[in-house]
Amino acid sequence: MLTYCSGPMSGRAEADSRKLFADAERQLKKNGHKVVNPWTLDKKYPKLHRWADYLKRDIPILLKCDAIRLLDGWEDSEGAKLEAHIADR
């Protein structure tokens, strides 16, 4: 199962956010999931600068996933709320 991790990225210390996503990715992989971690997408795609550009990149990737894993604090993230809404639909 391909699972997309969604949670707070901006407005939080980058190191803390990266750790939150990495921990979730590790747990999901341990349970047999293939994982999309938005923090690691910059390795595959050019680094972007605007929030809207990240959404334009990430939402099509989310739509290819089988599931979404909402991380702690996702309710405080506008991007994660949008991703949760899209995944729910």
N, C-alpha and C. Protein backbone atom coordinates (compact mmCIF):
# COMPACT_ATOMS: atom_id res chain seq x y z
N MET A 1 0.85 -1.18 0.00
CA MET A 1 0.00 0.00 0.00
C MET A 1 0.89 1.24 0.00
N LEU A 2 0.59 2.16 -0.89
CA LEU A 2 1.32 3.41 -0.96
C LEU A 2 0.63 4.45 -0.08
N THR A 3 1.34 4.94 0.92
CA THR A 3 0.77 5.84 1.92
C THR A 3 1.48 7.18 1.90
N TYR A 4 0.69 8.24 1.87
CA TYR A 4 1.19 9.62 1.85
C TYR A 4 1.17 10.17 3.27
N CYS A 5 2.29 10.71 3.72
CA CYS A 5 2.36 11.35 5.04
C CYS A 5 2.00 12.82 4.91
N SER A 6 1.13 13.28 5.77
CA SER A 6 0.68 14.66 5.74
C SER A 6 0.69 15.22 7.15
N GLY A 7 1.27 16.40 7.29
CA GLY A 7 1.32 17.03 8.60
C GLY A 7 1.93 18.40 8.51
N PRO A 8 2.18 19.01 9.66
CA PRO A 8 2.72 20.37 9.69
C PRO A 8 4.17 20.41 9.22
N MET A 9 4.43 21.30 8.28
CA MET A 9 5.79 21.48 7.79
C MET A 9 6.27 22.91 8.02
N SER A 10 5.50 23.88 7.57
CA SER A 10 5.89 25.27 7.79
C SER A 10 5.30 25.75 9.11
N GLY A 11 5.91 26.78 9.67
CA GLY A 11 5.43 27.30 10.94
C GLY A 11 5.90 26.48 12.13
N ARG A 12 6.82 25.60 11.90
CA ARG A 12 7.36 24.72 12.94
C ARG A 12 8.85 24.59 12.66
N ALA A 13 9.63 24.31 13.66
CA ALA A 13 11.06 24.11 13.44
C ALA A 13 11.25 23.00 12.42
N GLU A 14 12.04 23.27 11.39
CA GLU A 14 12.22 22.30 10.31
C GLU A 14 12.71 20.95 10.84
N ALA A 15 13.65 20.97 11.75
CA ALA A 15 14.19 19.72 12.30
C ALA A 15 13.10 18.90 12.99
N ASP A 16 12.22 19.57 13.72
CA ASP A 16 11.13 18.87 14.41
C ASP A 16 10.15 18.27 13.40
N SER A 17 9.83 19.03 12.37
CA SER A 17 8.90 18.54 11.36
C SER A 17 9.51 17.36 10.59
N ARG A 18 10.77 17.50 10.22
CA ARG A 18 11.43 16.40 9.50
C ARG A 18 11.45 15.12 10.34
N LYS A 19 11.69 15.27 11.64
CA LYS A 19 11.71 14.10 12.53
C LYS A 19 10.33 13.47 12.62
N LEU A 20 9.30 14.28 12.74
CA LEU A 20 7.93 13.77 12.80
C LEU A 20 7.62 12.92 11.57
N PHE A 21 7.97 13.44 10.39
CA PHE A 21 7.72 12.72 9.14
C PHE A 21 8.59 11.47 9.03
N ALA A 22 9.85 11.58 9.41
CA ALA A 22 10.77 10.43 9.32
C ALA A 22 10.32 9.31 10.24
N ASP A 23 9.88 9.66 11.45
CA ASP A 23 9.40 8.64 12.39
C ASP A 23 8.18 7.92 11.83
N ALA A 24 7.25 8.68 11.25
CA ALA A 24 6.05 8.08 10.66
C ALA A 24 6.43 7.19 9.48
N GLU A 25 7.34 7.68 8.65
CA GLU A 25 7.79 6.89 7.50
C GLU A 25 8.40 5.56 7.95
N ARG A 26 9.24 5.61 8.96
CA ARG A 26 9.89 4.40 9.48
C ARG A 26 8.85 3.41 9.99
N GLN A 27 7.87 3.91 10.75
CA GLN A 27 6.81 3.05 11.31
C GLN A 27 5.98 2.42 10.19
N LEU A 28 5.60 3.22 9.21
CA LEU A 28 4.80 2.70 8.11
C LEU A 28 5.57 1.65 7.31
N LYS A 29 6.83 1.90 7.04
CA LYS A 29 7.64 0.94 6.29
C LYS A 29 7.78 -0.37 7.06
N LYS A 30 7.91 -0.25 8.38
CA LYS A 30 8.01 -1.45 9.22
C LYS A 30 6.75 -2.30 9.08
N ASN A 31 5.62 -1.64 8.80
CA ASN A 31 4.34 -2.34 8.64
C ASN A 31 4.04 -2.68 7.18
N GLY A 32 5.05 -2.58 6.32
CA GLY A 32 4.91 -3.04 4.95
C GLY A 32 4.42 -2.01 3.94
N HIS A 33 4.31 -0.76 4.34
CA HIS A 33 3.84 0.28 3.42
C HIS A 33 4.98 0.84 2.59
N LYS A 34 4.68 1.27 1.39
CA LYS A 34 5.55 2.16 0.64
C LYS A 34 5.09 3.56 1.02
N VAL A 35 6.02 4.48 1.18
CA VAL A 35 5.68 5.77 1.79
C VAL A 35 6.11 6.94 0.91
N VAL A 36 5.23 7.92 0.83
CA VAL A 36 5.58 9.22 0.24
C VAL A 36 5.74 10.19 1.41
N ASN A 37 6.96 10.67 1.58
CA ASN A 37 7.28 11.65 2.61
C ASN A 37 7.60 12.96 1.88
N PRO A 38 6.74 13.97 1.99
CA PRO A 38 6.98 15.22 1.26
C PRO A 38 8.35 15.84 1.52
N TRP A 39 8.92 15.62 2.69
CA TRP A 39 10.25 16.18 2.96
C TRP A 39 11.30 15.58 2.05
N THR A 40 11.09 14.36 1.58
CA THR A 40 12.10 13.73 0.75
C THR A 40 11.87 13.97 -0.74
N LEU A 41 10.76 14.59 -1.11
CA LEU A 41 10.48 14.82 -2.53
C LEU A 41 11.45 15.81 -3.16
N ASP A 42 12.06 16.67 -2.37
CA ASP A 42 13.03 17.62 -2.92
C ASP A 42 14.24 16.91 -3.52
N LYS A 43 14.47 15.65 -3.12
CA LYS A 43 15.57 14.89 -3.70
C LYS A 43 15.25 14.48 -5.14
N LYS A 44 13.96 14.28 -5.44
CA LYS A 44 13.53 13.83 -6.77
C LYS A 44 13.16 15.01 -7.67
N TYR A 45 12.69 16.07 -7.08
CA TYR A 45 12.17 17.22 -7.83
C TYR A 45 12.98 18.46 -7.46
N PRO A 46 13.00 19.44 -8.32
CA PRO A 46 13.72 20.68 -7.98
C PRO A 46 13.12 21.33 -6.73
N LYS A 47 13.97 21.96 -5.93
CA LYS A 47 13.51 22.66 -4.74
C LYS A 47 12.62 23.83 -5.17
N LEU A 48 11.51 23.96 -4.49
CA LEU A 48 10.55 25.02 -4.80
C LEU A 48 10.63 26.11 -3.74
N HIS A 49 9.94 27.22 -4.00
CA HIS A 49 10.02 28.33 -3.05
C HIS A 49 8.66 28.78 -2.53
N ARG A 50 7.62 28.59 -3.33
CA ARG A 50 6.31 29.07 -2.90
C ARG A 50 5.44 27.91 -2.42
N TRP A 51 4.64 28.18 -1.40
CA TRP A 51 3.74 27.18 -0.82
C TRP A 51 2.85 26.58 -1.90
N ALA A 52 2.29 27.42 -2.75
CA ALA A 52 1.39 26.94 -3.82
C ALA A 52 2.11 25.99 -4.77
N ASP A 53 3.38 26.23 -5.02
CA ASP A 53 4.13 25.34 -5.91
C ASP A 53 4.31 23.96 -5.30
N TYR A 54 4.50 23.91 -3.99
CA TYR A 54 4.59 22.60 -3.33
C TYR A 54 3.27 21.85 -3.44
N LEU A 55 2.17 22.55 -3.28
CA LEU A 55 0.87 21.89 -3.40
C LEU A 55 0.64 21.40 -4.82
N LYS A 56 1.03 22.18 -5.80
CA LYS A 56 0.88 21.75 -7.20
C LYS A 56 1.69 20.49 -7.48
N ARG A 57 2.82 20.36 -6.81
CA ARG A 57 3.65 19.17 -6.97
C ARG A 57 3.09 17.99 -6.18
N ASP A 58 2.69 18.25 -4.93
CA ASP A 58 2.36 17.17 -4.01
C ASP A 58 0.97 16.58 -4.20
N ILE A 59 -0.01 17.38 -4.57
CA ILE A 59 -1.38 16.87 -4.69
C ILE A 59 -1.49 15.78 -5.76
N PRO A 60 -0.91 15.95 -6.95
CA PRO A 60 -0.98 14.83 -7.91
C PRO A 60 -0.32 13.55 -7.38
N ILE A 61 0.73 13.70 -6.58
CA ILE A 61 1.37 12.53 -5.97
C ILE A 61 0.43 11.90 -4.95
N LEU A 62 -0.20 12.71 -4.13
CA LEU A 62 -1.18 12.23 -3.15
C LEU A 62 -2.28 11.42 -3.84
N LEU A 63 -2.76 11.90 -4.98
CA LEU A 63 -3.86 11.23 -5.68
C LEU A 63 -3.48 9.84 -6.18
N LYS A 64 -2.20 9.55 -6.29
CA LYS A 64 -1.74 8.23 -6.71
C LYS A 64 -1.61 7.26 -5.54
N CYS A 65 -1.76 7.78 -4.32
CA CYS A 65 -1.59 6.95 -3.12
C CYS A 65 -2.88 6.23 -2.75
N ASP A 66 -2.70 5.14 -2.00
CA ASP A 66 -3.83 4.34 -1.53
C ASP A 66 -4.38 4.84 -0.20
N ALA A 67 -3.54 5.53 0.56
CA ALA A 67 -3.93 5.96 1.91
C ALA A 67 -3.15 7.22 2.28
N ILE A 68 -3.65 7.87 3.32
CA ILE A 68 -2.96 9.04 3.88
C ILE A 68 -2.76 8.80 5.36
N ARG A 69 -1.60 9.18 5.87
CA ARG A 69 -1.31 9.11 7.31
C ARG A 69 -1.21 10.54 7.78
N LEU A 70 -2.19 10.95 8.60
CA LEU A 70 -2.22 12.30 9.14
C LEU A 70 -1.40 12.33 10.43
N LEU A 71 -0.38 13.16 10.44
CA LEU A 71 0.56 13.21 11.56
C LEU A 71 0.09 14.20 12.62
N ASP A 72 0.62 14.04 13.82
CA ASP A 72 0.26 14.94 14.92
C ASP A 72 0.39 16.40 14.48
N GLY A 73 -0.64 17.16 14.78
CA GLY A 73 -0.64 18.58 14.46
C GLY A 73 -1.18 18.91 13.08
N TRP A 74 -1.63 17.90 12.33
CA TRP A 74 -2.10 18.16 10.96
C TRP A 74 -3.24 19.16 10.93
N GLU A 75 -4.04 19.19 12.01
CA GLU A 75 -5.19 20.09 12.06
C GLU A 75 -4.79 21.56 12.05
N ASP A 76 -3.54 21.84 12.41
CA ASP A 76 -3.03 23.22 12.45
C ASP A 76 -2.33 23.62 11.16
N SER A 77 -2.32 22.74 10.18
CA SER A 77 -1.62 22.99 8.93
C SER A 77 -2.62 23.15 7.79
N GLU A 78 -2.59 24.30 7.13
CA GLU A 78 -3.51 24.53 6.02
C GLU A 78 -3.28 23.53 4.89
N GLY A 79 -2.02 23.24 4.61
CA GLY A 79 -1.71 22.27 3.56
C GLY A 79 -2.19 20.87 3.91
N ALA A 80 -1.95 20.44 5.13
CA ALA A 80 -2.38 19.11 5.56
C ALA A 80 -3.91 19.00 5.60
N LYS A 81 -4.59 20.07 6.00
CA LYS A 81 -6.06 20.04 5.99
C LYS A 81 -6.57 19.89 4.56
N LEU A 82 -5.94 20.58 3.63
CA LEU A 82 -6.32 20.46 2.22
C LEU A 82 -6.05 19.03 1.72
N GLU A 83 -4.89 18.48 2.05
CA GLU A 83 -4.56 17.11 1.65
C GLU A 83 -5.54 16.11 2.25
N ALA A 84 -5.91 16.30 3.51
CA ALA A 84 -6.87 15.39 4.16
C ALA A 84 -8.22 15.48 3.45
N HIS A 85 -8.64 16.68 3.11
CA HIS A 85 -9.91 16.87 2.41
C HIS A 85 -9.89 16.14 1.06
N ILE A 86 -8.82 16.32 0.33
CA ILE A 86 -8.70 15.69 -1.00
C ILE A 86 -8.69 14.16 -0.84
N ALA A 87 -7.94 13.66 0.10
CA ALA A 87 -7.86 12.21 0.32
C ALA A 87 -9.22 11.64 0.73
N ASP A 88 -9.97 12.40 1.50
CA ASP A 88 -11.29 11.96 1.96
C ASP A 88 -12.27 11.87 0.80
N ARG A 89 -12.11 12.72 -0.17
CA ARG A 89 -13.04 12.75 -1.31
C ARG A 89 -12.71 11.65 -2.28
